[in-house]
Every structure is written in structure tokens, then in C-alpha cells.
Amino acid sequence: VKMKTEDVCDHICKLAKKGLAPSQIGVTLRDSFGIPQVRSVTGNKILRILKANGLAPTLPEDMYFLIKKAVAIRKHLDKNRKDKD
């Protein structure tokens, strides 16, 4: 990996400001910049870098997606009342 730690941190902050989640930032860095593991380059995980720069999401990512799924299921069950097992 030819990028420096500061460059990687800058890219992470830019992507976070665009609204990407930490896992999406990791996928983008892997696919576009050839960085397999951010932790091996910077020594910190993506979320810790975001927290240090004040860009961490208010809800943890996994919790956010669980809530999103629960809302979708609730909406589906409101429309389809007979769909219960």
C-alpha cells in the first residue's frame, strides 16, 4: 500500500462527510484505492478515526439497520394483516 496514514484519514473523512457509513467507507477504500485493511495502514479502525474527527454516526451502524428492518416489517404487517405465522 503506497498511501500514507494522513492521506487515508483524509479520504475517510471526505467519504464520511458525503454520508457513507463506516462499512461503505471500507468497501470504497478497498475497491478504489487498494487498501485491504485500514487498520493495517493507520493503526486505527475506521470508526475510531471518525470519532477522533467528530464524524462518528450517532447510532451504531448495526443498530441503525436493525431499526430500519423492524420499521419495514412493521409497515409490511400493517398493509398485510393476514401475513402472520
N, C-alpha and C. Protein backbone atom coordinates (compact mmCIF):
# COMPACT_ATOMS: atom_id res chain seq x y z
N VAL A 1 0.86 -1.18 0.00
CA VAL A 1 0.00 0.00 0.00
C VAL A 1 0.90 1.23 0.00
N LYS A 2 0.66 2.13 -0.95
CA LYS A 2 1.55 3.26 -1.13
C LYS A 2 1.05 4.54 -0.46
N MET A 3 -0.16 4.52 0.09
CA MET A 3 -0.72 5.74 0.70
C MET A 3 -0.22 5.91 2.12
N LYS A 4 -0.09 7.17 2.52
CA LYS A 4 0.34 7.47 3.89
C LYS A 4 -0.88 7.49 4.81
N THR A 5 -0.61 7.42 6.10
CA THR A 5 -1.67 7.40 7.11
C THR A 5 -2.55 8.64 7.01
N GLU A 6 -1.92 9.81 6.83
CA GLU A 6 -2.69 11.06 6.76
C GLU A 6 -3.62 11.07 5.55
N ASP A 7 -3.13 10.55 4.41
CA ASP A 7 -3.95 10.51 3.20
C ASP A 7 -5.17 9.61 3.39
N VAL A 8 -4.95 8.47 4.02
CA VAL A 8 -6.06 7.54 4.27
C VAL A 8 -7.09 8.20 5.19
N CYS A 9 -6.62 8.86 6.27
CA CYS A 9 -7.53 9.53 7.20
C CYS A 9 -8.32 10.62 6.49
N ASP A 10 -7.66 11.37 5.59
CA ASP A 10 -8.35 12.42 4.83
C ASP A 10 -9.45 11.82 3.95
N HIS A 11 -9.14 10.71 3.28
CA HIS A 11 -10.13 10.05 2.43
C HIS A 11 -11.32 9.56 3.26
N ILE A 12 -11.03 9.00 4.44
CA ILE A 12 -12.10 8.51 5.32
C ILE A 12 -13.01 9.67 5.72
N CYS A 13 -12.41 10.81 6.09
CA CYS A 13 -13.21 11.97 6.50
C CYS A 13 -14.05 12.51 5.34
N LYS A 14 -13.47 12.56 4.15
CA LYS A 14 -14.21 13.04 2.98
C LYS A 14 -15.42 12.15 2.69
N LEU A 15 -15.20 10.84 2.74
CA LEU A 15 -16.28 9.90 2.47
C LEU A 15 -17.36 9.98 3.55
N ALA A 16 -16.95 10.19 4.80
CA ALA A 16 -17.93 10.30 5.89
C ALA A 16 -18.77 11.57 5.72
N LYS A 17 -18.15 12.64 5.25
CA LYS A 17 -18.89 13.89 5.04
C LYS A 17 -19.90 13.75 3.91
N LYS A 18 -19.62 12.85 2.96
CA LYS A 18 -20.57 12.58 1.88
C LYS A 18 -21.77 11.78 2.38
N GLY A 19 -21.65 11.19 3.59
CA GLY A 19 -22.77 10.46 4.15
C GLY A 19 -22.63 8.95 4.13
N LEU A 20 -21.45 8.45 3.84
CA LEU A 20 -21.26 7.00 3.82
C LEU A 20 -21.08 6.45 5.22
N ALA A 21 -21.56 5.23 5.43
CA ALA A 21 -21.39 4.52 6.70
C ALA A 21 -19.98 3.94 6.76
N PRO A 22 -19.49 3.62 7.97
CA PRO A 22 -18.13 3.09 8.07
C PRO A 22 -17.86 1.85 7.21
N SER A 23 -18.81 0.94 7.11
CA SER A 23 -18.59 -0.25 6.28
C SER A 23 -18.51 0.12 4.80
N GLN A 24 -19.32 1.08 4.38
CA GLN A 24 -19.27 1.54 2.98
C GLN A 24 -17.95 2.25 2.69
N ILE A 25 -17.43 2.97 3.68
CA ILE A 25 -16.13 3.63 3.52
C ILE A 25 -15.05 2.58 3.31
N GLY A 26 -15.10 1.49 4.10
CA GLY A 26 -14.13 0.41 3.95
C GLY A 26 -14.19 -0.23 2.58
N VAL A 27 -15.39 -0.45 2.08
CA VAL A 27 -15.56 -1.06 0.75
C VAL A 27 -15.00 -0.12 -0.32
N THR A 28 -15.28 1.17 -0.20
CA THR A 28 -14.79 2.16 -1.18
C THR A 28 -13.26 2.21 -1.17
N LEU A 29 -12.67 2.25 0.01
CA LEU A 29 -11.21 2.28 0.09
C LEU A 29 -10.59 1.02 -0.49
N ARG A 30 -11.23 -0.12 -0.23
CA ARG A 30 -10.72 -1.38 -0.76
C ARG A 30 -10.80 -1.41 -2.29
N ASP A 31 -11.96 -1.02 -2.84
CA ASP A 31 -12.18 -1.15 -4.28
C ASP A 31 -11.46 -0.06 -5.08
N SER A 32 -11.50 1.19 -4.59
CA SER A 32 -10.97 2.31 -5.37
C SER A 32 -9.49 2.57 -5.13
N PHE A 33 -9.05 2.41 -3.88
CA PHE A 33 -7.69 2.81 -3.54
C PHE A 33 -6.77 1.63 -3.23
N GLY A 34 -7.30 0.42 -3.22
CA GLY A 34 -6.47 -0.76 -2.99
C GLY A 34 -5.97 -0.88 -1.56
N ILE A 35 -6.76 -0.42 -0.60
CA ILE A 35 -6.38 -0.53 0.81
C ILE A 35 -7.19 -1.69 1.40
N PRO A 36 -6.57 -2.85 1.61
CA PRO A 36 -7.33 -4.00 2.07
C PRO A 36 -7.84 -3.84 3.50
N GLN A 37 -6.99 -3.34 4.39
CA GLN A 37 -7.37 -3.15 5.79
C GLN A 37 -6.89 -1.78 6.24
N VAL A 38 -7.82 -0.92 6.63
CA VAL A 38 -7.45 0.42 7.10
C VAL A 38 -6.59 0.31 8.35
N ARG A 39 -6.91 -0.63 9.20
CA ARG A 39 -6.20 -0.78 10.47
C ARG A 39 -4.73 -1.10 10.26
N SER A 40 -4.41 -1.86 9.21
CA SER A 40 -3.01 -2.21 8.96
C SER A 40 -2.21 -1.01 8.46
N VAL A 41 -2.88 -0.04 7.82
CA VAL A 41 -2.19 1.15 7.31
C VAL A 41 -2.10 2.23 8.40
N THR A 42 -3.22 2.49 9.07
CA THR A 42 -3.27 3.61 10.01
C THR A 42 -3.02 3.20 11.46
N GLY A 43 -3.29 1.96 11.80
CA GLY A 43 -3.19 1.53 13.18
C GLY A 43 -4.49 1.70 13.94
N ASN A 44 -5.48 2.35 13.32
CA ASN A 44 -6.80 2.54 13.93
C ASN A 44 -7.87 2.03 12.99
N LYS A 45 -9.02 1.69 13.56
CA LYS A 45 -10.15 1.28 12.75
C LYS A 45 -10.85 2.53 12.21
N ILE A 46 -11.70 2.34 11.20
CA ILE A 46 -12.40 3.46 10.56
C ILE A 46 -13.24 4.22 11.57
N LEU A 47 -13.97 3.51 12.41
CA LEU A 47 -14.86 4.18 13.36
C LEU A 47 -14.08 5.02 14.36
N ARG A 48 -12.91 4.55 14.79
CA ARG A 48 -12.08 5.33 15.73
C ARG A 48 -11.56 6.60 15.07
N ILE A 49 -11.21 6.51 13.79
CA ILE A 49 -10.75 7.70 13.05
C ILE A 49 -11.90 8.71 12.95
N LEU A 50 -13.12 8.20 12.68
CA LEU A 50 -14.28 9.08 12.59
C LEU A 50 -14.57 9.73 13.93
N LYS A 51 -14.49 8.97 15.02
CA LYS A 51 -14.73 9.53 16.36
C LYS A 51 -13.71 10.61 16.69
N ALA A 52 -12.46 10.39 16.32
CA ALA A 52 -11.41 11.36 16.61
C ALA A 52 -11.65 12.68 15.87
N ASN A 53 -12.27 12.59 14.70
CA ASN A 53 -12.55 13.79 13.91
C ASN A 53 -13.97 14.31 14.12
N GLY A 54 -14.71 13.69 15.04
CA GLY A 54 -16.07 14.14 15.33
C GLY A 54 -17.08 13.83 14.24
N LEU A 55 -16.84 12.78 13.48
CA LEU A 55 -17.73 12.43 12.35
C LEU A 55 -18.44 11.10 12.56
N ALA A 56 -18.35 10.55 13.76
CA ALA A 56 -18.97 9.25 14.01
C ALA A 56 -20.49 9.38 13.99
N PRO A 57 -21.19 8.36 13.47
CA PRO A 57 -22.66 8.40 13.48
C PRO A 57 -23.20 8.32 14.90
N THR A 58 -24.39 8.91 15.12
CA THR A 58 -24.98 8.92 16.45
C THR A 58 -25.42 7.52 16.87
N LEU A 59 -26.00 6.77 15.95
CA LEU A 59 -26.39 5.38 16.21
C LEU A 59 -25.32 4.45 15.63
N PRO A 60 -25.01 3.37 16.32
CA PRO A 60 -24.12 2.37 15.70
C PRO A 60 -24.76 1.84 14.42
N GLU A 61 -23.91 1.53 13.46
CA GLU A 61 -24.40 1.13 12.13
C GLU A 61 -25.30 -0.10 12.18
N ASP A 62 -24.92 -1.12 12.95
CA ASP A 62 -25.72 -2.33 13.01
C ASP A 62 -27.08 -2.06 13.65
N MET A 63 -27.11 -1.21 14.68
CA MET A 63 -28.36 -0.84 15.33
C MET A 63 -29.27 -0.10 14.36
N TYR A 64 -28.69 0.79 13.56
CA TYR A 64 -29.46 1.55 12.58
C TYR A 64 -30.16 0.63 11.60
N PHE A 65 -29.43 -0.37 11.09
CA PHE A 65 -30.03 -1.27 10.10
C PHE A 65 -31.06 -2.20 10.73
N LEU A 66 -30.87 -2.58 11.99
CA LEU A 66 -31.89 -3.38 12.67
C LEU A 66 -33.19 -2.58 12.83
N ILE A 67 -33.07 -1.32 13.21
CA ILE A 67 -34.26 -0.47 13.36
C ILE A 67 -34.94 -0.28 12.01
N LYS A 68 -34.13 -0.07 10.98
CA LYS A 68 -34.68 0.12 9.63
C LYS A 68 -35.45 -1.11 9.18
N LYS A 69 -34.91 -2.30 9.47
CA LYS A 69 -35.57 -3.55 9.09
C LYS A 69 -36.87 -3.73 9.89
N ALA A 70 -36.83 -3.40 11.19
CA ALA A 70 -38.03 -3.53 12.02
C ALA A 70 -39.14 -2.62 11.53
N VAL A 71 -38.78 -1.40 11.12
CA VAL A 71 -39.78 -0.46 10.60
C VAL A 71 -40.38 -0.99 9.30
N ALA A 72 -39.54 -1.56 8.45
CA ALA A 72 -40.04 -2.12 7.19
C ALA A 72 -40.99 -3.29 7.44
N ILE A 73 -40.65 -4.15 8.39
CA ILE A 73 -41.51 -5.29 8.71
C ILE A 73 -42.83 -4.80 9.29
N ARG A 74 -42.77 -3.82 10.18
CA ARG A 74 -43.99 -3.27 10.79
C ARG A 74 -44.90 -2.66 9.71
N LYS A 75 -44.30 -1.94 8.78
CA LYS A 75 -45.06 -1.34 7.69
C LYS A 75 -45.72 -2.41 6.83
N HIS A 76 -44.97 -3.49 6.55
CA HIS A 76 -45.50 -4.60 5.75
C HIS A 76 -46.68 -5.26 6.47
N LEU A 77 -46.54 -5.47 7.79
CA LEU A 77 -47.60 -6.13 8.53
C LEU A 77 -48.84 -5.24 8.67
N ASP A 78 -48.65 -3.93 8.68
CA ASP A 78 -49.80 -3.03 8.70
C ASP A 78 -50.60 -3.14 7.40
N LYS A 79 -49.89 -3.28 6.28
CA LYS A 79 -50.56 -3.40 4.98
C LYS A 79 -51.18 -4.78 4.81
N ASN A 80 -50.46 -5.82 5.25
CA ASN A 80 -50.88 -7.20 5.04
C ASN A 80 -51.19 -7.85 6.39
N ARG A 81 -52.39 -7.62 6.88
CA ARG A 81 -52.74 -8.08 8.21
C ARG A 81 -52.78 -9.59 8.37
N LYS A 82 -53.07 -10.30 7.26
CA LYS A 82 -53.17 -11.75 7.35
C LYS A 82 -51.81 -12.45 7.34
N ASP A 83 -50.77 -11.70 7.09
CA ASP A 83 -49.42 -12.27 6.95
C ASP A 83 -48.78 -12.45 8.33
N LYS A 84 -49.24 -13.46 9.05
CA LYS A 84 -48.66 -13.76 10.36
C LYS A 84 -48.45 -15.25 10.49
N ASP A 85 -47.32 -15.65 11.13
CA ASP A 85 -47.13 -17.08 11.33
C ASP A 85 -47.03 -17.43 12.77
